[in-house]
């Protein structure tokens, strides 16, 4: 789809097309690809997978809407974690400081994005294992993925922190080079985030979204409030400290506590049942 969009963009710019042609080229191509894929999958090759209107149930729609609403709130709250810094810096420290923080953050956040991309496929895998009641596999996979993420991600973050200043000097120039304290606090944020990514993927996979939602909203609030407070005292380093501290105070305790409770309750769970704690919470939230 990306190739089709790029090809359409090149064609429109070469023939000096207007805004309508640009929108059709960049959006119409991917939509056409999706339609062709749907035709191939549901009509030609796998007709038994074709959606059946008779299988639609209001209870399933309501469940999906509730779950989707929680994910939407999570995405909006995530803006407070990852996008509020530029606004705070602009208002309190001046627009010239934004580039220093953003460039350093982009480099130091690279290991987090790599770990996130590597662990996203496990969300559906955890969900399938939960449907099969294979909690032993879930526990083993969660432990292994967390260890691998930390072992590979944290050293990469440390290497980036070590070479961040010369990399930024080459990439963005001397005006964007951060000080050592900013790099160290961004490294702390990266290490903390890498350690908790798998907990978030597990909870989303088994549809325990409430703790994830609570932790992200709390972390976003902490990033904004602490960012404003510490920007007065430490400048850019204070804002990086606010992100790391908020994530450590909110995401770690809430998400890992919930993972621990779910896995403990599932340890001696009879076949075909759910952990008692999960059943009680579902009943309470409905």
Protein backbone atom coordinates (compact mmCIF):
# COMPACT_ATOMS: atom_id res chain seq x y z
CA UNK A 1 0.00 0.00 0.00
CA UNK A 2 2.87 2.37 0.77
CA UNK A 3 4.31 1.70 -2.68
CA UNK A 4 0.96 2.42 -4.37
CA UNK A 5 0.62 5.70 -2.43
CA UNK A 6 4.17 6.72 -3.34
CA UNK A 7 3.59 5.84 -7.00
CA UNK A 8 0.36 7.86 -7.06
CA UNK A 9 2.12 10.80 -5.43
CA UNK A 10 4.88 10.71 -8.05
CA UNK A 11 2.37 10.56 -10.92
CA UNK A 12 0.31 13.48 -9.58
CA UNK A 13 3.34 15.68 -9.00
CA UNK A 14 4.79 14.85 -12.43
CA UNK A 15 1.56 15.88 -14.18
CA UNK A 16 1.03 18.89 -11.88
CA UNK A 17 -2.26 17.65 -10.45
CA UNK A 18 -4.28 19.56 -7.89
CA UNK A 19 -5.37 18.74 -4.36
CA UNK A 20 -8.29 16.44 -5.38
CA UNK A 21 -5.97 14.35 -7.56
CA UNK A 22 -3.43 14.22 -4.73
CA UNK A 23 -6.05 12.97 -2.25
CA UNK A 24 -7.27 10.31 -4.70
CA UNK A 25 -3.71 9.20 -5.47
CA UNK A 26 -2.60 8.88 -1.84
CA UNK A 27 -5.86 7.50 -0.40
CA UNK A 28 -7.54 5.80 -3.35
CA UNK A 29 -4.61 3.48 -4.08
CA UNK A 30 -4.51 1.86 -0.62
CA UNK A 31 -8.32 1.60 -0.60
CA UNK A 32 -8.22 -0.18 -3.95
CA UNK A 33 -5.57 -2.59 -2.66
CA UNK A 34 -7.73 -3.40 0.37
CA UNK A 35 -10.72 -4.10 -1.87
CA UNK A 36 -8.67 -6.41 -4.09
CA UNK A 37 -7.33 -8.24 -1.03
CA UNK A 38 -10.85 -8.65 0.36
CA UNK A 39 -12.09 -10.01 -2.97
CA UNK A 40 -9.19 -12.47 -3.19
CA UNK A 41 -9.52 -13.63 0.43
CA UNK A 42 -13.29 -13.78 0.91
CA UNK A 43 -14.53 -14.68 -2.59
CA UNK A 44 -11.76 -16.44 -4.49
CA UNK A 45 -9.60 -18.30 -2.01
CA UNK A 46 -11.28 -18.47 1.41
CA UNK A 47 -15.03 -18.04 0.90
CA UNK A 48 -15.69 -19.75 4.23
CA UNK A 49 -14.05 -16.76 5.94
CA UNK A 50 -16.49 -14.33 4.35
CA UNK A 51 -18.41 -12.29 6.98
CA UNK A 52 -21.98 -13.49 7.44
CA UNK A 53 -24.61 -10.92 8.53
CA UNK A 54 -26.57 -13.71 10.21
CA UNK A 55 -23.65 -14.22 12.62
CA UNK A 56 -23.79 -10.65 13.91
CA UNK A 57 -24.84 -10.41 17.56
CA UNK A 58 -25.61 -7.24 19.49
CA UNK A 59 -23.74 -8.55 22.53
CA UNK A 60 -20.58 -8.90 20.43
CA UNK A 61 -21.03 -5.42 18.96
CA UNK A 62 -21.49 -3.92 22.41
CA UNK A 63 -18.41 -5.73 23.72
CA UNK A 64 -16.31 -4.53 20.77
CA UNK A 65 -17.56 -0.96 21.17
CA UNK A 66 -16.67 -0.93 24.86
CA UNK A 67 -13.25 -2.40 24.15
CA UNK A 68 -12.65 -0.05 21.21
CA UNK A 69 -13.66 2.96 23.30
CA UNK A 70 -11.04 2.06 25.87
CA UNK A 71 -8.38 1.76 23.17
CA UNK A 72 -9.41 5.16 21.78
CA UNK A 73 -9.01 6.77 25.21
CA UNK A 74 -5.62 5.07 25.54
CA UNK A 75 -4.45 6.55 22.23
CA UNK A 76 -5.64 10.01 23.22
CA UNK A 77 -3.94 9.75 26.61
CA UNK A 78 -0.73 8.59 24.94
CA UNK A 79 -0.53 12.02 23.31
CA UNK A 80 0.09 13.43 26.78
CA UNK A 81 3.07 11.10 27.20
CA UNK A 82 4.74 11.52 23.83
CA UNK A 83 3.48 14.83 22.41
CA UNK A 84 3.05 17.20 25.36
CA UNK A 85 6.75 17.94 25.77
CA UNK A 86 7.00 20.13 22.66
CA UNK A 87 4.08 22.29 23.85
CA UNK A 88 5.52 22.65 27.36
CA UNK A 89 8.98 23.50 26.04
CA UNK A 90 7.60 26.07 23.59
CA UNK A 91 5.60 27.85 26.27
CA UNK A 92 8.15 27.70 29.09
CA UNK A 93 11.62 27.46 27.56
CA UNK A 94 11.19 28.90 24.11
CA UNK A 95 10.72 27.39 20.63
CA UNK A 96 14.47 27.17 20.07
CA UNK A 97 14.73 24.45 22.73
CA UNK A 98 12.14 22.19 21.10
CA UNK A 99 14.55 20.89 18.46
CA UNK A 100 17.11 19.85 21.09
CA UNK A 101 14.59 17.74 23.01
CA UNK A 102 12.77 16.29 20.00
CA UNK A 103 15.94 15.19 18.19
CA UNK A 104 17.39 13.59 21.33
CA UNK A 105 14.06 11.93 22.12
CA UNK A 106 13.75 10.50 18.61
CA UNK A 107 17.18 8.89 18.85
CA UNK A 108 16.78 7.55 22.39
CA UNK A 109 13.24 6.29 21.70
CA UNK A 110 14.40 4.08 18.83
CA UNK A 111 14.92 0.95 21.01
CA UNK A 112 11.40 1.38 22.43
CA UNK A 113 9.89 1.46 18.96
CA UNK A 114 11.88 -1.61 17.89
CA UNK A 115 10.78 -3.57 20.96
CA UNK A 116 7.19 -2.45 20.46
CA UNK A 117 7.18 -3.56 16.82
CA UNK A 118 8.71 -6.91 17.79
CA UNK A 119 6.18 -7.60 20.55
CA UNK A 120 2.95 -6.34 18.91
CA UNK A 121 2.33 -9.70 17.13
CA UNK A 122 2.20 -11.37 20.55
CA UNK A 123 -1.01 -9.49 21.42
CA UNK A 124 -3.08 -11.79 19.22
CA UNK A 125 -0.99 -14.77 20.29
CA UNK A 126 -1.71 -14.10 23.96
CA UNK A 127 -5.39 -13.79 23.09
CA UNK A 128 -5.40 -17.15 21.31
CA UNK A 129 -3.58 -18.81 24.19
CA UNK A 130 -6.11 -17.37 26.62
CA UNK A 131 -8.96 -18.77 24.49
CA UNK A 132 -7.27 -22.19 24.69
CA UNK A 133 -6.76 -21.71 28.43
CA UNK A 134 -3.01 -22.26 27.96
CA UNK A 135 -1.85 -20.09 30.84
CA UNK A 136 1.41 -21.99 31.24
CA UNK A 137 2.43 -20.92 27.74
CA UNK A 138 1.33 -17.34 28.44
CA UNK A 139 3.44 -17.19 31.59
CA UNK A 140 6.49 -18.70 29.89
CA UNK A 141 6.17 -16.52 26.78
CA UNK A 142 5.71 -13.37 28.84
CA UNK A 143 8.83 -14.11 30.88
CA UNK A 144 10.96 -14.96 27.84
CA UNK A 145 9.82 -11.96 25.79
CA UNK A 146 10.42 -9.57 28.68
CA UNK A 147 13.92 -10.92 29.27
CA UNK A 148 14.81 -10.77 25.56
CA UNK A 149 13.43 -7.24 25.24
CA UNK A 150 15.47 -6.00 28.20
CA UNK A 151 18.65 -7.87 27.22
CA UNK A 152 18.58 -6.54 23.66
CA UNK A 153 16.86 -3.18 24.13
CA UNK A 154 18.64 -1.70 27.14
CA UNK A 155 22.21 -2.24 25.80
CA UNK A 156 21.11 -0.67 22.51
CA UNK A 157 19.73 2.29 24.44
CA UNK A 158 23.00 2.54 26.38
CA UNK A 159 24.98 2.55 23.13
CA UNK A 160 22.76 5.27 21.71
CA UNK A 161 23.15 7.30 24.89
CA UNK A 162 26.92 6.95 24.65
CA UNK A 163 27.05 8.16 21.06
CA UNK A 164 23.98 10.44 21.12
CA UNK A 165 25.87 13.73 21.15
CA UNK A 166 28.20 12.99 18.20
CA UNK A 167 25.29 11.43 16.25
CA UNK A 168 23.13 14.49 16.77
CA UNK A 169 26.05 16.78 15.92
CA UNK A 170 26.41 15.03 12.54
CA UNK A 171 22.68 14.67 11.94
CA UNK A 172 21.21 17.99 13.10
CA UNK A 173 24.14 20.29 13.78
CA UNK A 174 25.63 21.83 16.88
CA UNK A 175 22.49 23.77 17.78
CA UNK A 176 20.61 20.50 18.46
CA UNK A 177 23.23 18.80 20.66
CA UNK A 178 21.75 18.03 24.13
CA UNK A 179 23.58 18.13 27.44
CA UNK A 180 24.58 14.98 29.33
CA UNK A 181 21.76 15.16 31.88
CA UNK A 182 19.09 15.22 29.18
CA UNK A 183 20.61 12.16 27.51
CA UNK A 184 20.84 10.26 30.81
CA UNK A 185 17.22 10.94 31.76
CA UNK A 186 16.05 9.97 28.30
CA UNK A 187 18.03 6.75 28.66
CA UNK A 188 16.26 6.11 31.98
CA UNK A 189 12.92 6.64 30.27
CA UNK A 190 13.91 4.24 27.50
CA UNK A 191 15.02 1.50 29.89
CA UNK A 192 11.82 1.81 31.95
CA UNK A 193 9.61 1.77 28.86
CA UNK A 194 11.35 -1.25 27.36
CA UNK A 195 10.86 -3.19 30.60
CA UNK A 196 7.10 -2.66 30.67
CA UNK A 197 6.19 -3.04 26.98
CA UNK A 198 5.53 -6.76 27.24
CA UNK A 199 3.28 -6.32 30.27
CA UNK A 200 1.15 -3.94 28.24
CA UNK A 201 1.03 -6.34 25.27
CA UNK A 202 0.00 -9.21 27.53
CA UNK A 203 -2.80 -7.27 29.20
CA UNK A 204 -4.11 -6.08 25.84
CA UNK A 205 -3.94 -9.60 24.45
CA UNK A 206 -6.04 -11.08 27.24
CA UNK A 207 -8.38 -8.07 27.11
CA UNK A 208 -7.44 -6.70 30.52
CA UNK A 209 -7.44 -3.18 29.14
CA UNK A 210 -8.64 -1.33 32.25
CA UNK A 211 -5.26 -1.40 34.07
CA UNK A 212 -3.46 -0.34 30.88
CA UNK A 213 -5.92 2.52 30.42
CA UNK A 214 -5.51 3.61 34.04
CA UNK A 215 -1.72 3.50 33.84
CA UNK A 216 -1.52 5.44 30.57
CA UNK A 217 -3.94 8.15 31.74
CA UNK A 218 -2.04 8.45 35.03
CA UNK A 219 1.30 8.57 33.22
CA UNK A 220 0.04 11.24 30.82
CA UNK A 221 -1.17 13.36 33.72
CA UNK A 222 2.18 12.94 35.46
CA UNK A 223 4.12 13.87 32.32
CA UNK A 224 2.18 17.11 31.94
CA UNK A 225 2.11 18.15 35.61
CA UNK A 226 5.66 17.11 36.48
CA UNK A 227 6.93 18.41 33.15
CA UNK A 228 5.61 21.88 33.93
CA UNK A 229 7.01 21.79 37.48
CA UNK A 230 10.48 20.49 36.69
CA UNK A 231 10.89 22.57 33.55
CA UNK A 232 11.24 25.60 35.84
CA UNK A 233 14.05 23.97 37.82
CA UNK A 234 15.97 21.76 35.39
CA UNK A 235 14.91 22.92 31.95
CA UNK A 236 14.96 20.19 29.30
CA UNK A 237 16.47 17.67 31.70
CA UNK A 238 13.55 18.27 34.07
CA UNK A 239 11.05 17.43 31.34
CA UNK A 240 12.92 14.21 30.52
CA UNK A 241 12.98 13.40 34.24
CA UNK A 242 9.21 13.97 34.39
CA UNK A 243 8.60 11.43 31.61
CA UNK A 244 10.85 8.79 33.22
CA UNK A 245 9.48 9.36 36.73
CA UNK A 246 5.85 9.31 35.58
CA UNK A 247 6.35 6.05 33.75
CA UNK A 248 8.14 4.47 36.71
CA UNK A 249 5.53 5.61 39.24
CA UNK A 250 2.42 4.76 37.23
CA UNK A 251 2.95 2.20 34.50
CA UNK A 252 5.26 -0.20 36.33
CA UNK A 253 3.21 -0.68 39.53
CA UNK A 254 -0.20 -0.85 37.86
CA UNK A 255 0.63 -3.05 34.89
CA UNK A 256 3.02 -5.47 36.58
CA UNK A 257 0.73 -5.82 39.58
CA UNK A 258 -2.14 -6.76 37.29
CA UNK A 259 0.01 -9.23 35.34
CA UNK A 260 1.15 -10.81 38.59
CA UNK A 261 -2.43 -11.14 39.85
CA UNK A 262 -3.70 -12.66 36.61
CA UNK A 263 -0.88 -15.19 36.32
CA UNK A 264 -1.11 -16.16 39.98
CA UNK A 265 -4.86 -16.65 39.77
CA UNK A 266 -4.44 -18.74 36.60
CA UNK A 267 -1.83 -21.04 38.14
CA UNK A 268 -4.32 -23.53 39.61
CA UNK A 269 -7.26 -22.62 37.41
CA UNK A 270 -9.46 -25.57 36.33
CA UNK A 271 -9.63 -26.28 32.63
CA UNK A 272 -12.17 -24.13 30.81
CA UNK A 273 -12.50 -21.51 33.54
CA UNK A 274 -11.03 -18.08 34.20
CA UNK A 275 -9.09 -16.74 37.16
CA UNK A 276 -11.46 -15.81 39.96
CA UNK A 277 -10.02 -12.31 40.14
CA UNK A 278 -10.68 -11.79 36.43
CA UNK A 279 -14.28 -13.05 36.73
CA UNK A 280 -14.98 -10.76 39.66
CA UNK A 281 -13.51 -7.73 37.88
CA UNK A 282 -15.47 -8.46 34.72
CA UNK A 283 -18.66 -8.72 36.75
CA UNK A 284 -17.83 -5.44 38.52
CA UNK A 285 -17.08 -3.55 35.29
CA UNK A 286 -20.16 -4.73 33.41
